[in-house]
Amino acid sequence: MDVTLSSSGSAWVPDACTLPTVEQPTRVAEFDELFATGVHGVERVANGAVRLVLASSAAGRAAELMVRETACCSFFAFTLTASGGELALEVSVPAEQVDVLDALAVRAETAAGAS
């Protein structure tokens, strides 16, 4: 499975992505902002799944971004849940896209740790 480098040098935009190349840096920036301002934790829950703990204020932004992301990268599955006073976003992918998930998780951990 091949991934390409985003404008910031992070390898997590897969070849399977149908978002026009010119729009990819904007989408990466949107994820970066969500990760930096809305993610409080990142946890690997399975080989093909990552759980992001979100600030409650990030729910709408995360949901809107996930809808747009599945339109161009249909292999992603996103599940947004509220339970026990916590908001979580689970991101899962099929086995052939685990490299993309790994890169996304590293990016989220880095951005969340910097905030």
C-alpha atoms as a PDB file:
ATOM      1  CA  MET A   1       0.000   0.000   0.000  1.00  0.00           C
ATOM      2  CA  ASP A   2       1.417   3.364  -0.976  1.00  0.00           C
ATOM      3  CA  VAL A   3       0.913   6.653   0.819  1.00  0.00           C
ATOM      4  CA  THR A   4       2.081  10.014  -0.409  1.00  0.00           C
ATOM      5  CA  LEU A   5       3.645  12.889   1.468  1.00  0.00           C
ATOM      6  CA  SER A   6       1.352  15.697   2.468  1.00  0.00           C
ATOM      7  CA  SER A   7       2.421  19.317   2.142  1.00  0.00           C
ATOM      8  CA  SER A   8       3.905  19.145   5.620  1.00  0.00           C
ATOM      9  CA  GLY A   9       5.870  15.977   4.932  1.00  0.00           C
ATOM     10  CA  SER A  10       3.625  13.522   6.765  1.00  0.00           C
ATOM     11  CA  ALA A  11       2.878  10.272   4.963  1.00  0.00           C
ATOM     12  CA  TRP A  12      -0.788   9.562   5.503  1.00  0.00           C
ATOM     13  CA  VAL A  13      -2.608  10.569   2.324  1.00  0.00           C
ATOM     14  CA  PRO A  14      -3.180   7.203   0.612  1.00  0.00           C
ATOM     15  CA  ASP A  15      -3.159   6.603  -3.125  1.00  0.00           C
ATOM     16  CA  ALA A  16      -6.779   5.445  -2.727  1.00  0.00           C
ATOM     17  CA  CYS A  17      -7.837   8.990  -1.764  1.00  0.00           C
ATOM     18  CA  THR A  18     -10.036  10.613  -4.410  1.00  0.00           C
ATOM     19  CA  LEU A  19      -9.757  14.130  -2.991  1.00  0.00           C
ATOM     20  CA  PRO A  20      -8.111  16.292  -5.659  1.00  0.00           C
ATOM     21  CA  THR A  21      -4.400  16.705  -4.931  1.00  0.00           C
ATOM     22  CA  VAL A  22      -4.716  20.481  -4.757  1.00  0.00           C
ATOM     23  CA  GLU A  23      -7.278  20.125  -1.901  1.00  0.00           C
ATOM     24  CA  GLN A  24      -5.271  17.617   0.151  1.00  0.00           C
ATOM     25  CA  PRO A  25      -3.099  20.174   2.033  1.00  0.00           C
ATOM     26  CA  THR A  26      -6.263  21.969   3.173  1.00  0.00           C
ATOM     27  CA  ARG A  27      -7.779  18.712   4.442  1.00  0.00           C
ATOM     28  CA  VAL A  28      -4.535  17.812   6.231  1.00  0.00           C
ATOM     29  CA  ALA A  29      -4.599  21.251   7.892  1.00  0.00           C
ATOM     30  CA  GLU A  30      -8.192  20.660   9.022  1.00  0.00           C
ATOM     31  CA  PHE A  31      -7.175  17.378  10.640  1.00  0.00           C
ATOM     32  CA  ASP A  32      -4.153  19.056  12.235  1.00  0.00           C
ATOM     33  CA  GLU A  33      -6.384  21.727  13.772  1.00  0.00           C
ATOM     34  CA  LEU A  34      -8.827  19.121  15.098  1.00  0.00           C
ATOM     35  CA  PHE A  35      -5.951  17.091  16.539  1.00  0.00           C
ATOM     36  CA  ALA A  36      -4.290  20.132  18.141  1.00  0.00           C
ATOM     37  CA  THR A  37      -7.398  21.753  19.605  1.00  0.00           C
ATOM     38  CA  GLY A  38      -9.893  18.931  20.066  1.00  0.00           C
ATOM     39  CA  VAL A  39      -7.992  15.735  20.887  1.00  0.00           C
ATOM     40  CA  HIS A  40      -7.063  14.956  24.500  1.00  0.00           C
ATOM     41  CA  GLY A  41      -5.773  11.437  23.987  1.00  0.00           C
ATOM     42  CA  VAL A  42      -5.003   8.747  21.431  1.00  0.00           C
ATOM     43  CA  GLU A  43      -5.300   5.036  22.140  1.00  0.00           C
ATOM     44  CA  ARG A  44      -4.729   2.035  19.872  1.00  0.00           C
ATOM     45  CA  VAL A  45      -7.740  -0.255  20.415  1.00  0.00           C
ATOM     46  CA  ALA A  46      -6.935  -2.832  17.708  1.00  0.00           C
ATOM     47  CA  ASN A  47      -4.487  -3.291  14.842  1.00  0.00           C
ATOM     48  CA  GLY A  48      -6.887  -1.461  12.531  1.00  0.00           C
ATOM     49  CA  ALA A  49      -8.494   0.938  15.018  1.00  0.00           C
ATOM     50  CA  VAL A  50      -7.547   4.028  17.002  1.00  0.00           C
ATOM     51  CA  ARG A  51      -9.634   5.826  19.608  1.00  0.00           C
ATOM     52  CA  LEU A  52      -9.324   9.606  19.925  1.00  0.00           C
ATOM     53  CA  VAL A  53     -10.626  11.234  23.116  1.00  0.00           C
ATOM     54  CA  LEU A  54     -12.204  14.523  22.084  1.00  0.00           C
ATOM     55  CA  ALA A  55     -13.135  17.766  23.773  1.00  0.00           C
ATOM     56  CA  SER A  56     -16.925  18.120  23.762  1.00  0.00           C
ATOM     57  CA  SER A  57     -16.539  21.355  21.810  1.00  0.00           C
ATOM     58  CA  ALA A  58     -14.964  19.371  18.940  1.00  0.00           C
ATOM     59  CA  ALA A  59     -17.965  17.096  18.276  1.00  0.00           C
ATOM     60  CA  GLY A  60     -19.565  19.095  15.468  1.00  0.00           C
ATOM     61  CA  ARG A  61     -16.285  19.866  13.766  1.00  0.00           C
ATOM     62  CA  ALA A  62     -15.174  16.231  13.993  1.00  0.00           C
ATOM     63  CA  ALA A  63     -18.486  14.913  12.630  1.00  0.00           C
ATOM     64  CA  GLU A  64     -18.460  17.321   9.682  1.00  0.00           C
ATOM     65  CA  LEU A  65     -14.847  16.464   8.842  1.00  0.00           C
ATOM     66  CA  MET A  66     -15.530  12.720   9.075  1.00  0.00           C
ATOM     67  CA  VAL A  67     -18.454  12.985   6.642  1.00  0.00           C
ATOM     68  CA  ARG A  68     -16.262  14.784   4.116  1.00  0.00           C
ATOM     69  CA  GLU A  69     -13.363  12.385   4.645  1.00  0.00           C
ATOM     70  CA  THR A  70     -15.430   9.268   3.974  1.00  0.00           C
ATOM     71  CA  ALA A  71     -16.539  10.833   0.687  1.00  0.00           C
ATOM     72  CA  CYS A  72     -12.962  10.686  -0.638  1.00  0.00           C
ATOM     73  CA  CYS A  73     -11.436   7.879   1.445  1.00  0.00           C
ATOM     74  CA  SER A  74     -14.289   5.413   1.780  1.00  0.00           C
ATOM     75  CA  PHE A  75     -12.089   2.832   3.525  1.00  0.00           C
ATOM     76  CA  PHE A  76     -12.222   4.878   6.764  1.00  0.00           C
ATOM     77  CA  ALA A  77     -14.927   4.058   9.290  1.00  0.00           C
ATOM     78  CA  PHE A  78     -15.579   6.674  11.969  1.00  0.00           C
ATOM     79  CA  THR A  79     -17.680   6.136  15.091  1.00  0.00           C
ATOM     80  CA  LEU A  80     -18.377   9.099  17.357  1.00  0.00           C
ATOM     81  CA  THR A  81     -19.689   8.160  20.821  1.00  0.00           C
ATOM     82  CA  ALA A  82     -20.514   9.892  24.063  1.00  0.00           C
ATOM     83  CA  SER A  83     -20.374   7.692  27.139  1.00  0.00           C
ATOM     84  CA  GLY A  84     -19.535   8.188  30.783  1.00  0.00           C
ATOM     85  CA  GLY A  85     -19.068  11.913  30.316  1.00  0.00           C
ATOM     86  CA  GLU A  86     -16.470  11.382  27.600  1.00  0.00           C
ATOM     87  CA  LEU A  87     -16.577  11.948  23.846  1.00  0.00           C
ATOM     88  CA  ALA A  88     -14.610   9.536  21.677  1.00  0.00           C
ATOM     89  CA  LEU A  89     -13.970   9.107  17.982  1.00  0.00           C
ATOM     90  CA  GLU A  90     -12.962   5.639  16.850  1.00  0.00           C
ATOM     91  CA  VAL A  91     -11.210   5.507  13.496  1.00  0.00           C
ATOM     92  CA  SER A  92     -10.917   2.111  11.845  1.00  0.00           C
ATOM     93  CA  VAL A  93      -9.565   0.861   8.547  1.00  0.00           C
ATOM     94  CA  PRO A  94      -9.220  -2.468   6.730  1.00  0.00           C
ATOM     95  CA  ALA A  95      -5.917  -4.348   7.085  1.00  0.00           C
ATOM     96  CA  GLU A  96      -4.503  -3.009   3.816  1.00  0.00           C
ATOM     97  CA  GLN A  97      -4.841   0.595   5.104  1.00  0.00           C
ATOM     98  CA  VAL A  98      -3.206   0.156   8.546  1.00  0.00           C
ATOM     99  CA  ASP A  99      -0.162   2.177   7.420  1.00  0.00           C
ATOM    100  CA  VAL A 100      -2.463   5.146   6.799  1.00  0.00           C
ATOM    101  CA  LEU A 101      -4.066   4.721  10.226  1.00  0.00           C
ATOM    102  CA  ASP A 102      -0.643   4.473  11.872  1.00  0.00           C
ATOM    103  CA  ALA A 103       0.479   7.729  10.267  1.00  0.00           C
ATOM    104  CA  LEU A 104      -2.788   9.446  11.227  1.00  0.00           C
ATOM    105  CA  ALA A 105      -2.399   8.249  14.845  1.00  0.00           C
ATOM    106  CA  VAL A 106       1.182   9.551  15.072  1.00  0.00           C
ATOM    107  CA  ARG A 107       0.060  12.891  13.673  1.00  0.00           C
ATOM    108  CA  ALA A 108      -2.812  13.069  16.189  1.00  0.00           C
ATOM    109  CA  GLU A 109      -0.549  12.138  19.128  1.00  0.00           C
ATOM    110  CA  THR A 110       2.031  14.722  18.126  1.00  0.00           C
ATOM    111  CA  ALA A 111      -0.523  17.511  17.700  1.00  0.00           C
ATOM    112  CA  ALA A 112      -2.448  16.622  20.868  1.00  0.00           C
ATOM    113  CA  GLY A 113       0.784  16.514  22.868  1.00  0.00           C
ATOM    114  CA  ALA A 114       1.805  19.931  21.591  1.00  0.00           C
ATOM    115  CA  SER A 115      -1.428  21.629  22.694  1.00  0.00           C
END
